[in-house]
Amino acid sequence: MKRILTSGISRLFQCFGYVVQRPENLEWRSFSHHLAFLFKRLHIQCVLDVGANVGGYRHFLRNSVGYDGQILSFEPVEENLNTLRALAKNDPQWQIYGYALGSQNKTMEINVMKGPVFSSFLNPDTSVVAQFNDANRIDHKATVDVRTLDSVLGPLQTKLKLQNIFLKMDTQGYDLEVIKGAEATLQQIYAIQTEVSLRKIYESMPSFTESYQMLKEKGFDITGMYPVSRDPLLRVIEFDCVMINQAHENQITEWNRPSLKGISPQNRRSPSVRPDDRERA
């Protein structure tokens, strides 16, 4: 009965242009709307999903952002790949690639953690953030293929006719290595989403200032920052940082009061689907 009443009240408010939302979902609603506005303004037609895990970001784009264009997911961990390939059978606009992106073409060992969303090329560091101690522990190691964006983007563009590209990175401390491997192609990227750290959970992971400085030097400006996780004192551990490429500023249309016109209304639902399955405080 409570669920029926809540649903009815929510629909009533929607008739007047309002949305009833749980407080803990407000940040994610803001995040999904920000991406919807940005994708509309930049006419994004392709998302490179680097560090796809088991497809949480694809579901977030489809169900919360309302994006129905091409998604190319890159994921090196075999267990995750099996899940991704099974899910992608139901989405013709979703392609799966079984390798990581980095600064060089090579093979590397990846740490597959107890909590799958924490798997990383870097070793875990629990000295600063204790709440992930159980999940951010090495379960086993796997040897995986790593390629540069420079080496794969050209052939993919030719094959799939990729245009107006958005690059999302969630590689658990390895995002800047992806950028280093995109020297020749980065200017083709219209905007990016990168996970930046304020409280480190891996050894040798870049700080927020290091990440920001490198991307600023590459011509990217911040459009939004959204907390991924917090510690028990509500201090932010990581942010999802969205940045626009200055080289494509002239592609922005109607950057005044945002409108959701053109974003699929049937897919633009409450952002209960989050980009990954990490427990968020």
Protein backbone atom coordinates (compact mmCIF):
# COMPACT_ATOMS: atom_id res chain seq x y z
CA MET A 1 0.00 0.00 0.00
CA LYS A 2 2.81 2.41 0.91
CA ARG A 3 4.50 1.79 -2.44
CA ILE A 4 1.24 2.39 -4.32
CA LEU A 5 0.63 5.67 -2.46
CA THR A 6 4.21 6.81 -3.04
CA SER A 7 3.96 6.01 -6.75
CA GLY A 8 0.65 7.87 -7.03
CA ILE A 9 1.99 10.95 -5.26
CA SER A 10 5.08 10.91 -7.46
CA ARG A 11 2.97 10.81 -10.65
CA LEU A 12 0.79 13.63 -9.34
CA PHE A 13 3.81 15.89 -8.78
CA GLN A 14 5.19 15.00 -12.23
CA CYS A 15 2.00 16.42 -13.76
CA PHE A 16 3.10 19.82 -12.42
CA GLY A 17 6.72 19.45 -13.54
CA TYR A 18 8.14 18.23 -10.22
CA VAL A 19 9.89 14.99 -9.34
CA VAL A 20 9.73 13.33 -5.91
CA GLN A 21 13.19 11.97 -5.12
CA ARG A 22 14.88 10.29 -2.17
CA PRO A 23 17.57 12.59 -0.69
CA GLU A 24 20.38 10.08 -1.35
CA ASN A 25 19.50 10.10 -5.07
CA LEU A 26 19.68 13.87 -5.54
CA GLU A 27 23.38 13.90 -6.46
CA TRP A 28 22.83 11.17 -9.03
CA ARG A 29 19.82 12.93 -10.50
CA SER A 30 21.96 16.05 -10.91
CA PHE A 31 24.72 13.96 -12.52
CA SER A 32 22.40 12.25 -15.01
CA HIS A 33 20.77 15.56 -15.98
CA HIS A 34 24.17 17.18 -16.44
CA LEU A 35 25.21 14.45 -18.87
CA ALA A 36 21.87 14.67 -20.68
CA PHE A 37 22.34 18.42 -21.17
CA LEU A 38 25.97 18.00 -22.23
CA PHE A 39 25.22 15.19 -24.68
CA LYS A 40 22.46 17.28 -26.22
CA ARG A 41 24.63 20.39 -26.56
CA LEU A 42 27.57 18.49 -28.06
CA HIS A 43 25.43 16.13 -30.18
CA ILE A 44 27.24 13.14 -28.66
CA GLN A 45 26.80 10.07 -30.85
CA CYS A 46 29.32 7.65 -29.35
CA VAL A 47 30.45 6.86 -25.79
CA LEU A 48 33.74 5.06 -25.14
CA ASP A 49 33.14 3.22 -21.85
CA VAL A 50 36.67 2.49 -20.58
CA GLY A 51 36.61 0.23 -17.55
CA ALA A 52 33.13 -1.19 -18.13
CA ASN A 53 33.09 -3.72 -15.27
CA VAL A 54 29.70 -5.49 -15.67
CA GLY A 55 27.87 -2.78 -17.61
CA GLY A 56 26.64 -0.41 -14.92
CA TYR A 57 27.56 2.69 -16.92
CA ARG A 58 25.70 1.45 -19.99
CA HIS A 59 22.56 0.96 -17.88
CA PHE A 60 23.03 4.42 -16.34
CA LEU A 61 23.26 6.01 -19.81
CA ARG A 62 20.25 4.16 -21.16
CA ASN A 63 17.95 4.36 -18.14
CA SER A 64 18.91 7.60 -16.39
CA VAL A 65 20.57 9.84 -18.99
CA GLY A 66 18.28 8.80 -21.85
CA TYR A 67 21.17 8.24 -24.27
CA ASP A 68 20.37 5.72 -27.02
CA GLY A 69 23.45 6.06 -29.26
CA GLN A 70 26.55 3.94 -29.70
CA ILE A 71 28.40 2.61 -26.65
CA LEU A 72 31.78 0.90 -26.99
CA SER A 73 32.76 -0.80 -23.73
CA PHE A 74 36.34 -1.82 -22.94
CA GLU A 75 36.88 -4.37 -20.17
CA PRO A 76 39.87 -6.71 -19.69
CA VAL A 77 38.69 -8.97 -16.82
CA GLU A 78 37.37 -12.25 -18.23
CA GLU A 79 34.66 -12.77 -15.61
CA ASN A 80 33.21 -9.35 -16.38
CA LEU A 81 33.48 -9.89 -20.13
CA ASN A 82 31.21 -12.92 -20.00
CA THR A 83 28.53 -10.84 -18.29
CA LEU A 84 28.95 -7.91 -20.70
CA ARG A 85 28.72 -10.06 -23.82
CA ALA A 86 25.56 -11.74 -22.59
CA LEU A 87 23.92 -8.40 -21.83
CA ALA A 88 25.03 -6.80 -25.10
CA LYS A 89 23.09 -9.36 -27.13
CA ASN A 90 19.96 -7.35 -26.33
CA ASP A 91 21.41 -3.97 -27.38
CA PRO A 92 22.60 -3.66 -31.01
CA GLN A 93 24.16 -0.26 -30.24
CA TRP A 94 26.47 -1.72 -27.58
CA GLN A 95 29.83 -3.21 -28.59
CA ILE A 96 32.19 -5.05 -26.21
CA TYR A 97 36.00 -5.14 -26.50
CA GLY A 98 38.00 -7.49 -24.29
CA TYR A 99 41.06 -5.42 -23.52
CA ALA A 100 42.15 -2.48 -21.40
CA LEU A 101 43.27 0.93 -22.62
CA GLY A 102 46.54 2.41 -21.41
CA SER A 103 49.71 4.26 -22.39
CA GLN A 104 51.28 1.42 -24.41
CA ASN A 105 50.33 -1.66 -26.41
CA LYS A 106 51.41 -4.57 -24.20
CA THR A 107 50.24 -7.24 -21.77
CA MET A 108 49.98 -6.49 -18.06
CA GLU A 109 48.92 -8.11 -14.82
CA ILE A 110 45.73 -6.72 -13.33
CA ASN A 111 44.73 -7.15 -9.70
CA VAL A 112 41.27 -8.69 -9.58
CA MET A 113 39.91 -7.58 -6.22
CA LYS A 114 37.46 -9.24 -3.82
CA GLY A 115 35.04 -6.47 -4.75
CA PRO A 116 35.00 -6.54 -8.58
CA VAL A 117 34.51 -2.77 -9.01
CA PHE A 118 37.91 -2.21 -7.36
CA SER A 119 39.98 -4.30 -9.81
CA SER A 120 43.02 -2.27 -10.88
CA PHE A 121 46.49 -2.33 -12.38
CA LEU A 122 47.57 -0.59 -9.16
CA ASN A 123 48.01 -2.23 -5.77
CA PRO A 124 45.42 -1.41 -3.10
CA ASP A 125 46.25 1.07 -0.34
CA THR A 126 44.02 0.93 2.73
CA SER A 127 46.08 3.31 4.89
CA VAL A 128 43.82 6.32 4.23
CA VAL A 129 40.36 4.84 3.59
CA ALA A 130 39.50 1.89 5.82
CA GLN A 131 35.90 1.31 4.76
CA PHE A 132 36.91 -0.54 1.58
CA ASN A 133 39.37 -2.89 3.34
CA ASP A 134 37.39 -6.06 2.65
CA ALA A 135 36.44 -5.29 -0.95
CA ASN A 136 39.69 -3.60 -2.04
CA ARG A 137 41.87 -6.67 -1.50
CA ILE A 138 43.56 -8.76 -4.19
CA ASP A 139 41.71 -12.00 -4.90
CA HIS A 140 43.89 -13.07 -7.81
CA LYS A 141 45.91 -11.65 -10.69
CA ALA A 142 45.18 -11.98 -14.40
CA THR A 143 47.27 -11.23 -17.48
CA VAL A 144 45.37 -8.99 -19.89
CA ASP A 145 45.90 -7.14 -23.15
CA VAL A 146 46.39 -3.36 -23.04
CA ARG A 147 46.12 -1.12 -26.08
CA THR A 148 46.33 2.61 -26.65
CA LEU A 149 43.38 4.67 -27.78
CA ASP A 150 45.63 5.95 -30.57
CA SER A 151 46.01 2.41 -31.93
CA VAL A 152 42.34 1.42 -31.82
CA LEU A 153 40.27 4.55 -32.43
CA GLY A 154 41.12 4.96 -36.13
CA PRO A 155 40.07 1.43 -37.15
CA LEU A 156 36.93 1.68 -35.00
CA GLN A 157 36.00 5.01 -36.59
CA THR A 158 36.39 3.51 -40.05
CA LYS A 159 34.36 0.42 -39.18
CA LEU A 160 31.60 2.01 -37.09
CA LYS A 161 31.53 5.59 -38.46
CA LEU A 162 32.08 7.08 -35.01
CA GLN A 163 31.35 10.79 -34.54
CA ASN A 164 31.08 13.27 -31.65
CA ILE A 165 32.78 11.05 -29.09
CA PHE A 166 32.48 11.14 -25.28
CA LEU A 167 35.22 9.33 -23.36
CA LYS A 168 34.27 7.86 -19.97
CA MET A 169 37.09 6.43 -17.85
CA ASP A 170 36.74 4.41 -14.64
CA THR A 171 39.97 2.43 -14.43
CA GLN A 172 40.65 2.63 -10.71
CA GLY A 173 43.63 4.96 -10.66
CA TYR A 174 44.75 4.34 -14.25
CA ASP A 175 42.80 7.03 -16.14
CA LEU A 176 45.83 9.23 -16.86
CA GLU A 177 47.55 6.27 -18.53
CA VAL A 178 44.58 6.08 -20.90
CA ILE A 179 45.09 9.78 -21.67
CA LYS A 180 48.82 9.24 -22.28
CA GLY A 181 47.91 6.64 -24.89
CA ALA A 182 45.66 9.10 -26.72
CA GLU A 183 48.15 11.80 -27.74
CA ALA A 184 47.18 11.69 -31.41
CA THR A 185 43.45 11.19 -30.97
CA LEU A 186 42.51 13.16 -27.84
CA GLN A 187 41.50 16.24 -29.82
CA GLN A 188 38.79 14.16 -31.48
CA ILE A 189 37.16 13.63 -28.08
CA TYR A 190 34.42 16.19 -27.39
CA ALA A 191 34.22 15.66 -23.63
CA ILE A 192 35.40 13.23 -20.97
CA GLN A 193 34.37 11.76 -17.64
CA THR A 194 37.22 10.71 -15.37
CA GLU A 195 37.25 9.38 -11.83
CA VAL A 196 39.54 11.57 -9.71
CA SER A 197 40.70 10.87 -6.19
CA LEU A 198 40.81 13.09 -3.12
CA ARG A 199 41.63 10.25 -0.69
CA LYS A 200 43.77 7.55 -2.27
CA ILE A 201 42.72 3.91 -2.27
CA TYR A 202 45.60 2.64 -4.48
CA GLU A 203 49.35 2.96 -4.34
CA SER A 204 50.84 5.52 -6.74
CA MET A 205 47.45 6.72 -7.94
CA PRO A 206 47.38 10.32 -9.22
CA SER A 207 45.94 12.98 -6.94
CA PHE A 208 43.07 15.22 -7.99
CA THR A 209 45.48 18.11 -8.64
CA GLU A 210 47.72 15.93 -10.82
CA SER A 211 44.75 14.70 -12.84
CA TYR A 212 43.27 18.17 -13.22
CA GLN A 213 46.60 19.73 -14.22
CA MET A 214 47.29 17.18 -16.94
CA LEU A 215 43.80 17.40 -18.42
CA LYS A 216 43.82 21.19 -18.23
CA GLU A 217 47.08 21.20 -20.19
CA LYS A 218 45.38 18.97 -22.78
CA GLY A 219 42.66 21.61 -23.23
CA PHE A 220 39.85 20.27 -21.03
CA ASP A 221 37.72 22.39 -18.65
CA ILE A 222 35.54 21.10 -15.82
CA THR A 223 31.77 21.28 -16.32
CA GLY A 224 30.75 19.25 -13.27
CA MET A 225 32.03 17.15 -10.36
CA TYR A 226 29.92 14.47 -8.68
CA PRO A 227 30.88 12.43 -5.59
CA VAL A 228 31.35 8.70 -6.19
CA SER A 229 31.95 7.70 -2.58
CA ARG A 230 32.34 9.27 0.86
CA ASP A 231 33.85 8.15 4.15
CA PRO A 232 31.82 7.97 7.39
CA LEU A 233 32.56 11.67 8.03
CA LEU A 234 31.08 12.52 4.60
CA ARG A 235 34.48 13.43 3.19
CA VAL A 236 34.56 12.73 -0.54
CA ILE A 237 36.87 9.88 -1.52
CA GLU A 238 36.42 10.09 -5.30
CA PHE A 239 34.62 12.33 -7.77
CA ASP A 240 33.36 11.69 -11.27
CA CYS A 241 34.75 14.74 -13.07
CA VAL A 242 33.13 15.79 -16.38
CA MET A 243 35.24 17.98 -18.67
CA ILE A 244 34.70 19.56 -22.07
CA ASN A 245 37.36 19.85 -24.77
CA GLN A 246 38.05 23.52 -25.58
CA ALA A 247 38.70 22.47 -29.19
CA HIS A 248 34.99 21.71 -29.60
CA GLU A 249 33.46 24.71 -27.85
CA ASN A 250 32.02 25.87 -31.15
CA GLN A 251 29.92 22.69 -31.27
CA ILE A 252 27.87 23.75 -28.23
CA THR A 253 24.35 24.80 -29.11
CA GLU A 254 21.98 26.95 -27.05
CA TRP A 255 24.05 27.03 -23.88
CA ASN A 256 21.46 28.94 -21.90
CA ARG A 257 18.67 27.41 -19.87
CA PRO A 258 19.01 23.65 -20.44
CA SER A 259 16.19 21.78 -22.13
CA LEU A 260 15.73 18.02 -22.30
CA LYS A 261 14.21 18.24 -25.78
CA GLY A 262 15.81 15.53 -27.88
CA ILE A 263 16.74 13.28 -24.95
CA SER A 264 14.61 10.15 -25.10
CA PRO A 265 11.79 10.78 -22.57
CA GLN A 266 10.90 7.10 -22.28
CA ASN A 267 14.43 6.36 -21.06
CA ARG A 268 14.94 9.42 -18.86
CA ARG A 269 13.87 7.99 -15.53
CA SER A 270 14.84 8.60 -11.93
CA PRO A 271 18.58 7.83 -11.59
CA SER A 272 18.18 4.77 -9.41
CA VAL A 273 20.56 3.03 -11.82
CA ARG A 274 24.04 4.15 -10.88
CA PRO A 275 27.20 3.99 -13.00
CA ASP A 276 28.69 1.16 -10.95
CA ASP A 277 27.73 -1.11 -8.09
CA ARG A 278 30.10 0.31 -5.50
CA GLU A 279 28.62 0.87 -2.06
CA ARG A 280 28.31 4.62 -1.63
CA ALA A 281 28.17 6.28 1.76
